[in-house]
Amino acid sequence: MKDIENRDDVNLLVSEFYSAVLKDELLAPHFAHIDFAHHMPRMVDFWCFTLLDEGSFKGNIFDKHAPLQINQTHFDRWLVLFEETLQHHFSGEKAVFALQRAKLIGYTFAIKMAQMRGDS
């Protein structure tokens, strides 16, 4: 199995991952309102910037997700789907790094959202 090497690989990862998210009973309702045809290029740009040092992605990804009513359970499921998608298609250094970044993003988002809600 190959590693993540280029934009086409990142596009495959992001497309397959969000396809799984939109079929997931827990996550799909929170993402059903998103225009993925419009949003997909931004997500691919983000992951290309993160994994391939490609481009100069600008934007605050947390602010876009902050309004979602999701919690640790949702992030745990998000990570399971991300890891399953990643492992189905890729292996290698970049794939390992992608999973590490996804875990860091999920952890950070979960904490920030809990703080915004005043969860203890």
C-alpha atoms as a PDB file:
ATOM      1  CA  MET A   1       0.000   0.000   0.000  1.00  0.00           C
ATOM      2  CA  LYS A   2       1.316   3.446  -0.836  1.00  0.00           C
ATOM      3  CA  ASP A   3       1.792   6.519   1.301  1.00  0.00           C
ATOM      4  CA  ILE A   4       0.126   9.894   0.807  1.00  0.00           C
ATOM      5  CA  GLU A   5       2.257  11.544  -1.856  1.00  0.00           C
ATOM      6  CA  ASN A   6       0.266  14.205  -3.701  1.00  0.00           C
ATOM      7  CA  ARG A   7      -2.944  16.206  -4.002  1.00  0.00           C
ATOM      8  CA  ASP A   8      -4.762  13.313  -5.694  1.00  0.00           C
ATOM      9  CA  ASP A   9      -4.016  11.127  -2.673  1.00  0.00           C
ATOM     10  CA  VAL A  10      -5.259  13.814  -0.299  1.00  0.00           C
ATOM     11  CA  ASN A  11      -8.385  14.283  -2.400  1.00  0.00           C
ATOM     12  CA  LEU A  12      -9.060  10.545  -2.201  1.00  0.00           C
ATOM     13  CA  LEU A  13      -8.592  10.542   1.576  1.00  0.00           C
ATOM     14  CA  VAL A  14     -10.824  13.559   2.193  1.00  0.00           C
ATOM     15  CA  SER A  15     -13.525  12.450  -0.277  1.00  0.00           C
ATOM     16  CA  GLU A  16     -13.711   8.901   1.054  1.00  0.00           C
ATOM     17  CA  PHE A  17     -13.628  10.080   4.659  1.00  0.00           C
ATOM     18  CA  TYR A  18     -16.505  12.534   4.268  1.00  0.00           C
ATOM     19  CA  SER A  19     -18.440   9.977   2.270  1.00  0.00           C
ATOM     20  CA  ALA A  20     -18.208   7.748   5.368  1.00  0.00           C
ATOM     21  CA  VAL A  21     -19.149  10.665   7.642  1.00  0.00           C
ATOM     22  CA  LEU A  22     -22.286  11.364   5.601  1.00  0.00           C
ATOM     23  CA  LYS A  23     -23.339   7.709   5.922  1.00  0.00           C
ATOM     24  CA  ASP A  24     -22.659   7.559   9.650  1.00  0.00           C
ATOM     25  CA  GLU A  25     -25.731   7.568  11.887  1.00  0.00           C
ATOM     26  CA  LEU A  26     -24.071   9.645  14.613  1.00  0.00           C
ATOM     27  CA  LEU A  27     -22.225  12.179  12.462  1.00  0.00           C
ATOM     28  CA  ALA A  28     -24.333  12.610   9.337  1.00  0.00           C
ATOM     29  CA  PRO A  29     -27.011  14.839  10.921  1.00  0.00           C
ATOM     30  CA  HIS A  30     -24.347  17.376  11.932  1.00  0.00           C
ATOM     31  CA  PHE A  31     -22.894  17.629   8.439  1.00  0.00           C
ATOM     32  CA  ALA A  32     -26.026  17.258   6.290  1.00  0.00           C
ATOM     33  CA  HIS A  33     -26.347  21.039   5.803  1.00  0.00           C
ATOM     34  CA  ILE A  34     -22.860  21.412   4.307  1.00  0.00           C
ATOM     35  CA  ASP A  35     -22.436  22.031   0.600  1.00  0.00           C
ATOM     36  CA  PHE A  36     -19.628  19.534   0.102  1.00  0.00           C
ATOM     37  CA  ALA A  37     -19.154  20.440  -3.564  1.00  0.00           C
ATOM     38  CA  HIS A  38     -18.190  23.924  -2.358  1.00  0.00           C
ATOM     39  CA  HIS A  39     -16.418  22.904   0.854  1.00  0.00           C
ATOM     40  CA  MET A  40     -14.402  19.916  -0.421  1.00  0.00           C
ATOM     41  CA  PRO A  41     -11.693  21.976  -2.168  1.00  0.00           C
ATOM     42  CA  ARG A  42     -11.061  23.901   1.079  1.00  0.00           C
ATOM     43  CA  MET A  43     -10.726  20.657   3.040  1.00  0.00           C
ATOM     44  CA  VAL A  44      -8.353  19.250   0.444  1.00  0.00           C
ATOM     45  CA  ASP A  45      -6.354  22.504   0.559  1.00  0.00           C
ATOM     46  CA  PHE A  46      -6.126  22.251   4.348  1.00  0.00           C
ATOM     47  CA  TRP A  47      -4.879  18.665   4.294  1.00  0.00           C
ATOM     48  CA  CYS A  48      -2.465  19.380   1.413  1.00  0.00           C
ATOM     49  CA  PHE A  49      -1.047  22.246   3.441  1.00  0.00           C
ATOM     50  CA  THR A  50      -0.856  20.045   6.539  1.00  0.00           C
ATOM     51  CA  LEU A  51       0.547  16.888   4.957  1.00  0.00           C
ATOM     52  CA  LEU A  52       2.406  18.044   1.873  1.00  0.00           C
ATOM     53  CA  ASP A  53       3.451  21.596   2.794  1.00  0.00           C
ATOM     54  CA  GLU A  54       1.564  22.599  -0.327  1.00  0.00           C
ATOM     55  CA  GLY A  55       0.103  26.046  -0.725  1.00  0.00           C
ATOM     56  CA  SER A  56      -0.558  28.555   1.976  1.00  0.00           C
ATOM     57  CA  PHE A  57      -3.894  27.591   3.492  1.00  0.00           C
ATOM     58  CA  LYS A  58      -5.375  30.446   5.473  1.00  0.00           C
ATOM     59  CA  GLY A  59      -8.364  30.286   7.696  1.00  0.00           C
ATOM     60  CA  ASN A  60      -9.472  29.262  11.123  1.00  0.00           C
ATOM     61  CA  ILE A  61     -10.825  25.752  10.899  1.00  0.00           C
ATOM     62  CA  PHE A  62     -12.086  25.782  14.476  1.00  0.00           C
ATOM     63  CA  ASP A  63     -14.380  28.767  13.937  1.00  0.00           C
ATOM     64  CA  LYS A  64     -16.121  26.949  11.083  1.00  0.00           C
ATOM     65  CA  HIS A  65     -16.822  23.952  13.329  1.00  0.00           C
ATOM     66  CA  ALA A  66     -17.603  25.770  16.582  1.00  0.00           C
ATOM     67  CA  PRO A  67     -21.362  26.123  15.898  1.00  0.00           C
ATOM     68  CA  LEU A  68     -21.775  22.355  15.506  1.00  0.00           C
ATOM     69  CA  GLN A  69     -23.474  20.675  18.438  1.00  0.00           C
ATOM     70  CA  ILE A  70     -20.908  17.915  18.805  1.00  0.00           C
ATOM     71  CA  ASN A  71     -19.044  16.486  21.781  1.00  0.00           C
ATOM     72  CA  GLN A  72     -16.329  13.963  22.643  1.00  0.00           C
ATOM     73  CA  THR A  73     -18.468  11.051  21.446  1.00  0.00           C
ATOM     74  CA  HIS A  74     -18.713  12.660  18.018  1.00  0.00           C
ATOM     75  CA  PHE A  75     -14.981  13.347  17.882  1.00  0.00           C
ATOM     76  CA  ASP A  76     -14.216   9.779  18.873  1.00  0.00           C
ATOM     77  CA  ARG A  77     -16.389   8.515  16.016  1.00  0.00           C
ATOM     78  CA  TRP A  78     -14.887  11.077  13.617  1.00  0.00           C
ATOM     79  CA  LEU A  79     -11.425   9.728  14.456  1.00  0.00           C
ATOM     80  CA  VAL A  80     -12.486   6.096  14.013  1.00  0.00           C
ATOM     81  CA  LEU A  81     -13.808   6.877  10.532  1.00  0.00           C
ATOM     82  CA  PHE A  82     -10.726   8.916   9.659  1.00  0.00           C
ATOM     83  CA  GLU A  83      -8.389   6.139  10.767  1.00  0.00           C
ATOM     84  CA  GLU A  84     -10.402   3.464   8.945  1.00  0.00           C
ATOM     85  CA  THR A  85     -10.372   5.503   5.737  1.00  0.00           C
ATOM     86  CA  LEU A  86      -6.690   6.255   6.071  1.00  0.00           C
ATOM     87  CA  GLN A  87      -5.708   2.649   6.735  1.00  0.00           C
ATOM     88  CA  HIS A  88      -7.875   1.387   3.891  1.00  0.00           C
ATOM     89  CA  HIS A  89      -5.992   3.491   1.353  1.00  0.00           C
ATOM     90  CA  PHE A  90      -2.562   4.396   2.713  1.00  0.00           C
ATOM     91  CA  SER A  91       0.363   3.400   4.878  1.00  0.00           C
ATOM     92  CA  GLY A  92       3.659   5.109   5.535  1.00  0.00           C
ATOM     93  CA  GLU A  93       5.114   8.189   7.169  1.00  0.00           C
ATOM     94  CA  LYS A  94       2.574  10.689   5.812  1.00  0.00           C
ATOM     95  CA  ALA A  95      -0.313   8.396   6.708  1.00  0.00           C
ATOM     96  CA  VAL A  96       0.969   8.147  10.279  1.00  0.00           C
ATOM     97  CA  PHE A  97       1.371  11.923  10.387  1.00  0.00           C
ATOM     98  CA  ALA A  98      -2.172  12.409   9.027  1.00  0.00           C
ATOM     99  CA  LEU A  99      -3.582  10.300  11.846  1.00  0.00           C
ATOM    100  CA  GLN A 100      -1.518  12.169  14.438  1.00  0.00           C
ATOM    101  CA  ARG A 101      -2.794  15.505  13.100  1.00  0.00           C
ATOM    102  CA  ALA A 102      -6.397  14.270  13.042  1.00  0.00           C
ATOM    103  CA  LYS A 103      -6.096  13.137  16.662  1.00  0.00           C
ATOM    104  CA  LEU A 104      -4.630  16.494  17.676  1.00  0.00           C
ATOM    105  CA  ILE A 105      -7.379  18.377  15.837  1.00  0.00           C
ATOM    106  CA  GLY A 106     -10.108  16.206  17.371  1.00  0.00           C
ATOM    107  CA  TYR A 107      -8.657  16.571  20.865  1.00  0.00           C
ATOM    108  CA  THR A 108      -8.242  20.330  20.533  1.00  0.00           C
ATOM    109  CA  PHE A 109     -11.707  20.855  19.072  1.00  0.00           C
ATOM    110  CA  ALA A 110     -13.368  18.706  21.749  1.00  0.00           C
ATOM    111  CA  ILE A 111     -11.702  20.669  24.548  1.00  0.00           C
ATOM    112  CA  LYS A 112     -12.448  24.070  23.014  1.00  0.00           C
ATOM    113  CA  MET A 113     -16.085  23.188  22.344  1.00  0.00           C
ATOM    114  CA  ALA A 114     -16.539  21.840  25.869  1.00  0.00           C
ATOM    115  CA  GLN A 115     -15.088  25.077  27.236  1.00  0.00           C
ATOM    116  CA  MET A 116     -17.429  27.144  25.058  1.00  0.00           C
ATOM    117  CA  ARG A 117     -20.402  25.191  26.415  1.00  0.00           C
ATOM    118  CA  GLY A 118     -19.135  25.444  29.970  1.00  0.00           C
ATOM    119  CA  ASP A 119     -18.772  21.681  30.399  1.00  0.00           C
ATOM    120  CA  SER A 120     -16.564  20.698  33.265  1.00  0.00           C
END
